[in-house]
Amino acid sequence: MKHRDAVLKKGGLRVLRKSSEVLLLCLLLSSCSLFAPVKSEPPTTYLINAAPYPATAKTHTKVSLLVNTPDGNPIYNSTAIAYTTHPYQIGYFVKSAWAEAPTQMLQPLIIQALQRTHYFQRVGSATSVGQYSYILNTHLVELEQDFSCTPPRLRLVLRAEIIQASSNQVLSAQEFRVNERIVRNDTYTGVIATNRATVQILNQLAAFSVRTLKDAG
């Protein structure tokens, strides 16, 4: 009987030891999963790349225009896509972002719009070689998806000025505003509205540039 009790006790200790080992292993595995880095999906990125089609000028001139890199309000000039749902409030989409800051995407589109007028002999950026008779400066004032109104709107505001390079004199300045309808309450349709608004702004900017330099002689 004593021998049997000793065997049972020994077997019980062995089972207890194995159970403790299994419990310890489970705790170690769970602690590893608790402290492991959480995998997050990268945000979906979007482009502003709508092709502008401004009115074509009737005359081709020898006017050359330097398009400086646009600057912008830091609230809107980042890869974060801004929106609002209440007055005086701003937020940024978490799962969506611009591929680049809006001003970086706007500059080649501005150059393209001006080239398509066929009014200028040369249109280029600061990296282009050559002398320019005029300079175009632009500033992104606002780029925001507004869901506080019905239907929601995309607001795009751009300010521009044309300077005579030889005298540094401002020949003309103008602010362009576009409110484009967002057809659904989601980021993608807001991006589509942004591209439609950009086309309108670029066509207006091209017309303003040609008109200003025609008046300048």
Protein backbone atom coordinates (compact mmCIF):
# COMPACT_ATOMS: atom_id res chain seq x y z
CA MET A 1 0.00 0.00 0.00
CA LYS A 2 2.81 2.37 0.89
CA HIS A 3 4.55 1.52 -2.35
CA ARG A 4 1.36 2.24 -4.29
CA ASP A 5 0.90 5.59 -2.56
CA ALA A 6 4.49 6.53 -3.34
CA VAL A 7 3.98 5.65 -7.03
CA LEU A 8 0.78 7.69 -7.19
CA LYS A 9 2.45 10.61 -5.47
CA LYS A 10 5.41 10.44 -7.84
CA GLY A 11 3.11 10.25 -10.85
CA GLY A 12 1.10 13.19 -9.59
CA LEU A 13 4.23 15.26 -9.18
CA ARG A 14 5.27 14.40 -12.72
CA VAL A 15 1.87 15.46 -14.10
CA LEU A 16 1.97 18.64 -12.04
CA ARG A 17 5.46 19.42 -13.32
CA LYS A 18 4.37 18.91 -16.95
CA SER A 19 1.28 21.07 -16.41
CA SER A 20 3.45 23.82 -14.96
CA GLU A 21 5.78 23.63 -17.96
CA VAL A 22 2.84 23.89 -20.39
CA LEU A 23 1.41 26.84 -18.43
CA LEU A 24 4.78 28.59 -18.43
CA LEU A 25 5.13 28.06 -22.20
CA CYS A 26 1.66 29.51 -22.79
CA LEU A 27 2.50 32.54 -20.68
CA LEU A 28 5.73 33.10 -22.58
CA LEU A 29 3.97 32.85 -25.94
CA SER A 30 1.20 35.21 -24.87
CA SER A 31 3.69 37.75 -23.53
CA CYS A 32 5.57 37.65 -26.82
CA SER A 33 2.36 38.35 -28.71
CA LEU A 34 1.46 41.16 -26.32
CA PHE A 35 4.74 42.99 -26.79
CA ALA A 36 5.17 42.26 -30.52
CA PRO A 37 4.80 45.35 -32.77
CA VAL A 38 1.31 45.82 -34.18
CA LYS A 39 1.28 45.59 -37.97
CA SER A 40 -0.52 48.54 -39.58
CA GLU A 41 -1.52 48.88 -43.20
CA PRO A 42 0.17 51.74 -45.11
CA PRO A 43 -2.23 54.53 -46.15
CA THR A 44 -3.70 54.61 -49.65
CA THR A 45 -1.95 57.38 -51.61
CA TYR A 46 -3.56 59.69 -54.15
CA LEU A 47 -2.36 62.03 -56.90
CA ILE A 48 -3.28 65.46 -58.18
CA ASN A 49 -2.49 65.03 -61.86
CA ALA A 50 -5.50 66.17 -63.88
CA ALA A 51 -4.44 67.46 -67.29
CA PRO A 52 -5.25 71.14 -67.89
CA TYR A 53 -6.60 72.32 -71.25
CA PRO A 54 -6.44 76.12 -71.28
CA ALA A 55 -7.56 78.28 -74.17
CA THR A 56 -4.90 78.52 -76.89
CA ALA A 57 -3.48 81.97 -77.53
CA LYS A 58 -3.76 83.30 -81.08
CA THR A 59 -0.20 84.63 -81.18
CA HIS A 60 3.10 83.01 -80.28
CA THR A 61 5.54 85.41 -78.62
CA LYS A 62 9.13 85.46 -77.42
CA VAL A 63 8.02 85.86 -73.80
CA SER A 64 9.71 83.49 -71.36
CA LEU A 65 8.22 82.67 -67.96
CA LEU A 66 9.87 81.13 -64.91
CA VAL A 67 7.48 79.16 -62.70
CA ASN A 68 8.81 79.08 -59.17
CA THR A 69 8.01 76.17 -56.88
CA PRO A 70 4.69 77.03 -55.21
CA ASP A 71 4.68 77.58 -51.49
CA GLY A 72 1.70 76.89 -49.30
CA ASN A 73 -0.12 77.12 -46.03
CA PRO A 74 1.52 74.39 -43.88
CA ILE A 75 -1.94 73.28 -42.69
CA TYR A 76 -2.67 72.01 -46.19
CA ASN A 77 0.75 71.60 -47.77
CA SER A 78 1.73 68.13 -46.57
CA THR A 79 0.92 64.57 -47.55
CA ALA A 80 -1.96 64.60 -45.04
CA ILE A 81 -5.37 65.08 -46.69
CA ALA A 82 -7.29 67.75 -44.78
CA TYR A 83 -11.02 67.76 -44.09
CA THR A 84 -13.51 69.49 -41.81
CA THR A 85 -16.86 68.51 -40.30
CA HIS A 86 -17.44 71.62 -38.17
CA PRO A 87 -16.50 75.31 -38.52
CA TYR A 88 -13.06 76.21 -37.10
CA GLN A 89 -12.10 72.52 -36.95
CA ILE A 90 -9.70 70.54 -39.12
CA GLY A 91 -8.78 66.89 -39.31
CA TYR A 92 -6.67 64.59 -41.47
CA PHE A 93 -7.58 61.22 -42.96
CA VAL A 94 -5.69 58.36 -41.31
CA LYS A 95 -5.95 55.70 -44.04
CA SER A 96 -5.43 58.08 -46.99
CA ALA A 97 -2.65 60.48 -47.97
CA TRP A 98 -1.29 62.48 -50.89
CA ALA A 99 1.59 60.87 -52.75
CA GLU A 100 3.48 64.18 -52.38
CA ALA A 101 2.76 67.57 -50.87
CA PRO A 102 0.13 69.31 -53.07
CA THR A 103 2.48 72.12 -54.15
CA GLN A 104 4.99 69.56 -55.46
CA MET A 105 2.27 67.98 -57.59
CA LEU A 106 0.92 71.36 -58.72
CA GLN A 107 4.13 72.83 -60.15
CA PRO A 108 4.49 70.51 -63.19
CA LEU A 109 0.77 70.95 -63.87
CA ILE A 110 1.13 74.75 -63.84
CA ILE A 111 4.04 74.53 -66.29
CA GLN A 112 2.04 72.18 -68.49
CA ALA A 113 -0.98 74.51 -68.52
CA LEU A 114 1.15 77.50 -69.51
CA GLN A 115 2.95 75.56 -72.24
CA ARG A 116 -0.38 74.45 -73.71
CA THR A 117 -1.44 78.07 -74.28
CA HIS A 118 1.30 78.23 -76.99
CA TYR A 119 1.75 81.87 -76.06
CA PHE A 120 5.20 81.60 -74.48
CA GLN A 121 8.50 80.92 -76.15
CA ARG A 122 9.70 79.12 -73.04
CA VAL A 123 8.16 78.07 -69.72
CA GLY A 124 10.37 76.42 -67.12
CA SER A 125 11.26 75.90 -63.51
CA ALA A 126 14.24 77.03 -61.45
CA THR A 127 16.15 73.92 -62.58
CA SER A 128 15.80 74.91 -66.25
CA VAL A 129 18.68 76.57 -68.08
CA GLY A 130 18.22 80.05 -69.54
CA GLN A 131 17.09 83.58 -68.78
CA TYR A 132 13.47 84.47 -68.16
CA SER A 133 11.74 87.79 -68.65
CA TYR A 134 8.94 87.15 -66.15
CA ILE A 135 8.40 85.12 -62.98
CA LEU A 136 5.23 83.42 -61.75
CA ASN A 137 4.89 82.91 -57.99
CA THR A 138 2.00 80.91 -56.55
CA HIS A 139 0.79 80.19 -53.03
CA LEU A 140 -1.58 77.42 -51.99
CA VAL A 141 -3.98 79.12 -49.58
CA GLU A 142 -6.46 76.32 -48.95
CA LEU A 143 -7.13 72.71 -49.98
CA GLU A 144 -9.81 71.11 -47.84
CA GLN A 145 -12.70 68.67 -48.09
CA ASP A 146 -15.64 70.27 -46.29
CA PHE A 147 -18.24 67.83 -44.92
CA SER A 148 -19.96 70.42 -42.72
CA CYS A 149 -22.29 71.37 -45.57
CA THR A 150 -24.74 69.48 -47.79
CA PRO A 151 -23.64 68.45 -50.32
CA PRO A 152 -20.00 68.38 -49.19
CA ARG A 153 -17.57 70.61 -51.08
CA LEU A 154 -13.91 70.65 -51.99
CA ARG A 155 -12.39 74.11 -51.49
CA LEU A 156 -9.26 75.02 -53.42
CA VAL A 157 -7.75 78.51 -53.19
CA LEU A 158 -4.56 79.55 -55.01
CA ARG A 159 -2.95 83.00 -55.06
CA ALA A 160 -0.67 84.04 -57.94
CA GLU A 161 1.51 86.99 -58.91
CA ILE A 162 3.56 87.78 -62.00
CA ILE A 163 6.82 89.70 -61.57
CA GLN A 164 8.99 91.38 -64.17
CA ALA A 165 12.41 89.77 -63.74
CA SER A 166 14.49 92.84 -64.66
CA SER A 167 12.84 95.19 -62.15
CA ASN A 168 11.33 92.75 -59.61
CA GLN A 169 8.08 94.69 -60.04
CA VAL A 170 4.77 92.93 -59.45
CA LEU A 171 2.73 93.36 -62.62
CA SER A 172 -0.44 91.69 -61.41
CA ALA A 173 -1.76 89.46 -58.62
CA GLN A 174 -4.95 87.48 -58.30
CA GLU A 175 -6.56 84.89 -56.03
CA PHE A 176 -8.42 81.97 -57.59
CA ARG A 177 -11.18 80.11 -55.73
CA VAL A 178 -13.03 76.95 -56.70
CA ASN A 179 -15.71 75.08 -54.76
CA GLU A 180 -16.29 71.67 -56.29
CA ARG A 181 -19.06 69.32 -55.21
CA ILE A 182 -18.07 66.00 -53.56
CA VAL A 183 -20.66 63.45 -54.67
CA ARG A 184 -20.20 61.02 -51.75
CA ASN A 185 -18.82 61.22 -48.22
CA ASP A 186 -15.56 59.40 -48.85
CA THR A 187 -11.95 60.25 -49.50
CA TYR A 188 -11.74 59.01 -53.08
CA THR A 189 -14.60 61.17 -54.38
CA GLY A 190 -12.94 64.06 -52.55
CA VAL A 191 -9.75 63.36 -54.50
CA ILE A 192 -11.74 63.31 -57.76
CA ALA A 193 -13.24 66.67 -56.81
CA THR A 194 -9.73 67.97 -56.06
CA ASN A 195 -8.57 67.05 -59.56
CA ARG A 196 -11.62 68.68 -61.17
CA ALA A 197 -11.04 71.84 -59.13
CA THR A 198 -7.36 71.82 -60.08
CA VAL A 199 -8.22 71.82 -63.80
CA GLN A 200 -10.41 74.89 -63.29
CA ILE A 201 -7.72 76.70 -61.30
CA LEU A 202 -5.02 75.90 -63.87
CA ASN A 203 -7.12 77.12 -66.79
CA GLN A 204 -7.89 80.36 -64.92
CA LEU A 205 -4.22 80.78 -63.99
CA ALA A 206 -3.12 80.28 -67.59
CA ALA A 207 -5.64 82.86 -68.85
CA PHE A 208 -4.54 85.31 -66.15
CA SER A 209 -0.86 84.89 -67.09
CA VAL A 210 -1.42 85.40 -70.81
CA ARG A 211 -3.68 88.42 -70.20
CA THR A 212 -1.21 90.05 -67.80
CA LEU A 213 1.76 89.68 -70.15
CA LYS A 214 -0.22 90.88 -73.15
CA ASP A 215 -1.08 94.03 -71.20
CA ALA A 216 2.56 94.41 -70.19
CA GLY A 217 3.49 94.63 -73.86
